[in-house]
Amino acid sequence: MKKVLLLHGYNGIPPVFNWLKAELEKMGYAVIMPSLPTQENLRYDIWKSELENIKKDLMGRNISVIAHSGGNPFIIKYLRENKLNIHLYIGLAGFSDVFTTPGRKDLDEAVLSIAPNQSEIEYFKKNAKLRYCVYGNDDHIVPLEVLKKHAVNLSAKHYAISGIGHMGRKSNLQKLPLVIDLIIESSNIESRSATK
């Protein structure tokens, strides 16, 4: 069975993940949606330890990853360290460069903890077969240039959408049909490759 890992960011599971989980399960996917420590506890070593009990579920090329915000740099580091491969990556409000937020030392420290290096990014590009980035052009957390640079860093196809903000709790985004469209597109690409 095909699996999807939904990986949240700094503030926990965003509302849109609950909708995505339901839609993906209707499509026959097994969905893994861990609730990991949040905010100042978003540290690479803490999250890595938390994922130990599901690491075996992330083996194999049939896994897809949909990551929100801080989940994006984390999964880039995690794939390299664990020598994992994934079929599909969809980054929501993702970043791979360090950025700072005035008055938010807690957030700045979390970003530093999970920031990938260039070799981790290169590994990810080689071992995440299909890569897409989706971000709001009105994101109130991650600067727009950082969001765009993330897509460039990963050589990913990217989509800027108006009115979706950071896609977290404050944005209160309930649905994001584009993600389902990208999953269907990736399945079609895979089917065409298999018939060649």
Protein backbone atom coordinates (compact mmCIF):
# COMPACT_ATOMS: atom_id res chain seq x y z
CA MET A 1 0.00 0.00 0.00
CA LYS A 2 1.20 3.52 -0.77
CA LYS A 3 1.94 5.63 2.29
CA VAL A 4 1.94 9.36 2.94
CA LEU A 5 3.76 11.00 5.82
CA LEU A 6 2.16 14.30 6.90
CA LEU A 7 4.84 16.17 8.82
CA HIS A 8 3.79 19.30 10.70
CA GLY A 9 5.90 22.28 11.72
CA TYR A 10 6.59 24.56 14.68
CA ASN A 11 3.02 24.96 15.95
CA GLY A 12 1.79 21.40 15.46
CA ILE A 13 -0.71 19.84 13.08
CA PRO A 14 -2.32 22.52 10.87
CA PRO A 15 -6.08 22.30 10.13
CA VAL A 16 -5.46 21.49 6.46
CA PHE A 17 -3.69 18.26 7.45
CA ASN A 18 -6.93 16.82 8.86
CA TRP A 19 -8.64 17.42 5.51
CA LEU A 20 -5.68 16.00 3.59
CA LYS A 21 -5.65 12.88 5.78
CA ALA A 22 -9.33 12.23 5.13
CA GLU A 23 -8.98 12.81 1.37
CA LEU A 24 -5.89 10.61 1.07
CA GLU A 25 -7.51 7.78 3.01
CA LYS A 26 -10.48 7.94 0.62
CA MET A 27 -7.96 7.49 -2.20
CA GLY A 28 -6.58 4.35 -0.56
CA TYR A 29 -3.41 5.75 1.00
CA ALA A 30 -2.10 4.77 4.42
CA VAL A 31 -1.53 8.09 6.19
CA ILE A 32 1.09 8.57 8.90
CA MET A 33 0.50 11.83 10.80
CA PRO A 34 2.65 12.02 13.94
CA SER A 35 2.10 14.72 16.54
CA LEU A 36 5.63 15.82 17.40
CA PRO A 37 6.88 18.21 20.12
CA THR A 38 6.20 21.82 19.16
CA GLN A 39 7.66 25.30 19.41
CA GLU A 40 10.89 25.40 21.45
CA ASN A 41 10.91 21.58 21.34
CA LEU A 42 11.24 21.58 17.56
CA ARG A 43 14.85 20.39 17.62
CA TYR A 44 16.33 17.97 15.15
CA ASP A 45 17.48 15.44 17.78
CA ILE A 46 14.15 15.52 19.63
CA TRP A 47 12.11 14.95 16.46
CA LYS A 48 14.49 12.26 15.20
CA SER A 49 14.06 10.38 18.49
CA GLU A 50 10.27 10.73 18.30
CA LEU A 51 10.23 9.21 14.80
CA GLU A 52 12.24 6.12 15.77
CA ASN A 53 9.10 4.04 16.34
CA ILE A 54 7.77 4.76 12.83
CA LYS A 55 11.07 4.73 10.92
CA LYS A 56 10.37 1.24 9.56
CA ASP A 57 7.15 2.62 7.99
CA LEU A 58 9.22 5.15 6.04
CA MET A 59 11.30 2.53 4.23
CA GLY A 60 10.77 1.87 0.53
CA ARG A 61 10.08 3.99 -2.50
CA ASN A 62 6.29 4.09 -2.15
CA ILE A 63 6.36 6.72 0.57
CA SER A 64 5.29 10.30 -0.13
CA VAL A 65 5.95 13.22 2.21
CA ILE A 66 3.82 16.32 2.66
CA ALA A 67 5.66 18.66 5.03
CA HIS A 68 4.48 21.95 6.49
CA SER A 69 6.84 24.77 7.50
CA GLY A 70 9.55 23.41 9.85
CA GLY A 71 8.78 19.87 8.77
CA ASN A 72 10.49 20.68 5.46
CA PRO A 73 14.08 21.31 6.62
CA PHE A 74 13.70 18.49 9.14
CA ILE A 75 12.79 15.88 6.50
CA ILE A 76 15.70 16.98 4.29
CA LYS A 77 18.16 16.27 7.12
CA TYR A 78 16.33 13.11 8.20
CA LEU A 79 16.37 11.48 4.76
CA ARG A 80 20.11 11.90 4.44
CA GLU A 81 20.92 10.68 7.93
CA ASN A 82 18.75 7.58 7.53
CA LYS A 83 19.60 6.94 3.84
CA LEU A 84 15.91 6.96 2.88
CA ASN A 85 14.27 7.48 -0.51
CA ILE A 86 10.81 8.88 -1.20
CA HIS A 87 8.61 8.89 -4.26
CA LEU A 88 6.99 12.30 -3.81
CA TYR A 89 7.67 15.42 -1.78
CA ILE A 90 5.21 18.30 -1.43
CA GLY A 91 6.48 21.17 0.69
CA LEU A 92 3.92 23.56 2.17
CA ALA A 93 5.37 26.92 3.29
CA GLY A 94 8.74 25.21 3.20
CA PHE A 95 12.22 26.60 3.71
CA SER A 96 15.77 25.28 3.67
CA ASP A 97 17.68 28.51 4.36
CA VAL A 98 18.08 30.05 7.80
CA PHE A 99 15.98 33.16 8.42
CA THR A 100 15.31 35.24 11.53
CA THR A 101 12.16 36.78 12.93
CA PRO A 102 12.49 39.95 15.07
CA GLY A 103 11.53 39.27 18.68
CA ARG A 104 11.25 35.50 18.15
CA LYS A 105 14.40 33.96 19.58
CA ASP A 106 12.50 30.69 20.13
CA LEU A 107 11.62 30.42 16.44
CA ASP A 108 15.11 31.49 15.34
CA GLU A 109 16.71 28.75 17.49
CA ALA A 110 14.33 26.11 16.08
CA VAL A 111 15.14 27.18 12.51
CA LEU A 112 18.87 26.91 13.22
CA SER A 113 18.44 23.44 14.75
CA ILE A 114 16.74 21.96 11.68
CA ALA A 115 18.48 23.87 8.87
CA PRO A 116 19.96 21.42 6.34
CA ASN A 117 23.43 21.78 4.87
CA GLN A 118 24.23 21.64 1.15
CA SER A 119 25.13 17.95 1.11
CA GLU A 120 21.80 17.10 2.79
CA ILE A 121 19.98 19.17 0.17
CA GLU A 122 21.86 17.42 -2.65
CA TYR A 123 21.02 14.00 -1.21
CA PHE A 124 17.37 15.00 -0.99
CA LYS A 125 17.29 16.13 -4.62
CA LYS A 126 18.66 12.75 -5.73
CA ASN A 127 16.44 10.65 -3.46
CA ALA A 128 13.09 12.45 -3.57
CA LYS A 129 11.95 11.53 -7.06
CA LEU A 130 9.20 14.14 -7.59
CA ARG A 131 9.39 17.50 -5.80
CA TYR A 132 6.81 20.28 -5.49
CA CYS A 133 6.62 23.39 -3.31
CA VAL A 134 3.42 25.27 -2.49
CA TYR A 135 3.46 28.57 -0.63
CA GLY A 136 1.38 31.65 -0.01
CA ASN A 137 2.55 34.94 -1.45
CA ASP A 138 1.20 36.49 1.77
CA ASP A 139 3.03 34.21 4.26
CA HIS A 140 3.37 36.06 7.59
CA ILE A 141 6.13 33.79 8.99
CA VAL A 142 8.58 32.83 6.25
CA PRO A 143 9.80 35.64 3.95
CA LEU A 144 8.68 35.22 0.35
CA GLU A 145 12.25 35.19 -0.97
CA VAL A 146 13.07 32.29 1.42
CA LEU A 147 10.02 30.34 0.20
CA LYS A 148 11.03 30.87 -3.44
CA LYS A 149 14.66 29.97 -2.71
CA HIS A 150 13.56 26.70 -1.11
CA ALA A 151 11.97 25.60 -4.39
CA VAL A 152 15.13 26.61 -6.26
CA ASN A 153 17.36 24.80 -3.73
CA LEU A 154 15.40 21.58 -4.33
CA SER A 155 14.92 22.03 -8.10
CA ALA A 156 11.21 21.71 -7.35
CA LYS A 157 8.20 22.80 -9.36
CA HIS A 158 6.53 25.51 -7.32
CA TYR A 159 3.20 27.23 -6.90
CA ALA A 160 2.58 30.60 -5.22
CA ILE A 161 -1.05 31.02 -4.13
CA SER A 162 -2.76 34.20 -2.94
CA GLY A 163 -4.65 34.30 0.33
CA ILE A 164 -3.38 31.13 2.03
CA GLY A 165 -0.80 32.77 4.32
CA HIS A 166 1.47 30.34 6.13
CA MET A 167 -1.19 27.58 5.97
CA GLY A 168 -1.03 27.09 9.74
CA ARG A 169 -3.50 27.70 12.54
CA LYS A 170 -3.55 31.49 12.15
CA SER A 171 -4.27 31.18 8.42
CA ASN A 172 -6.97 28.59 9.26
CA LEU A 173 -6.69 27.02 5.81
CA GLN A 174 -9.17 24.13 5.77
CA LYS A 175 -8.67 22.67 2.28
CA LEU A 176 -5.94 22.71 -0.35
CA PRO A 177 -7.12 20.82 -3.47
CA LEU A 178 -3.86 21.56 -5.31
CA VAL A 179 -2.08 19.02 -3.09
CA ILE A 180 -4.49 16.28 -4.12
CA ASP A 181 -4.02 17.32 -7.76
CA LEU A 182 -0.24 17.00 -7.36
CA ILE A 183 -0.59 13.54 -5.83
CA ILE A 184 -2.77 12.45 -8.75
CA GLU A 185 -0.27 13.98 -11.18
CA SER A 186 2.59 12.10 -9.52
CA SER A 187 0.65 8.81 -9.78
CA ASN A 188 0.10 9.46 -13.48
CA ILE A 189 3.81 10.16 -13.99
CA GLU A 190 4.63 6.92 -12.19
CA SER A 191 2.15 4.95 -14.33
CA ARG A 192 3.61 6.35 -17.53
CA SER A 193 7.15 5.50 -16.38
CA ALA A 194 6.10 1.93 -15.55
CA THR A 195 4.69 1.35 -19.04
CA LYS A 196 7.81 2.54 -20.87
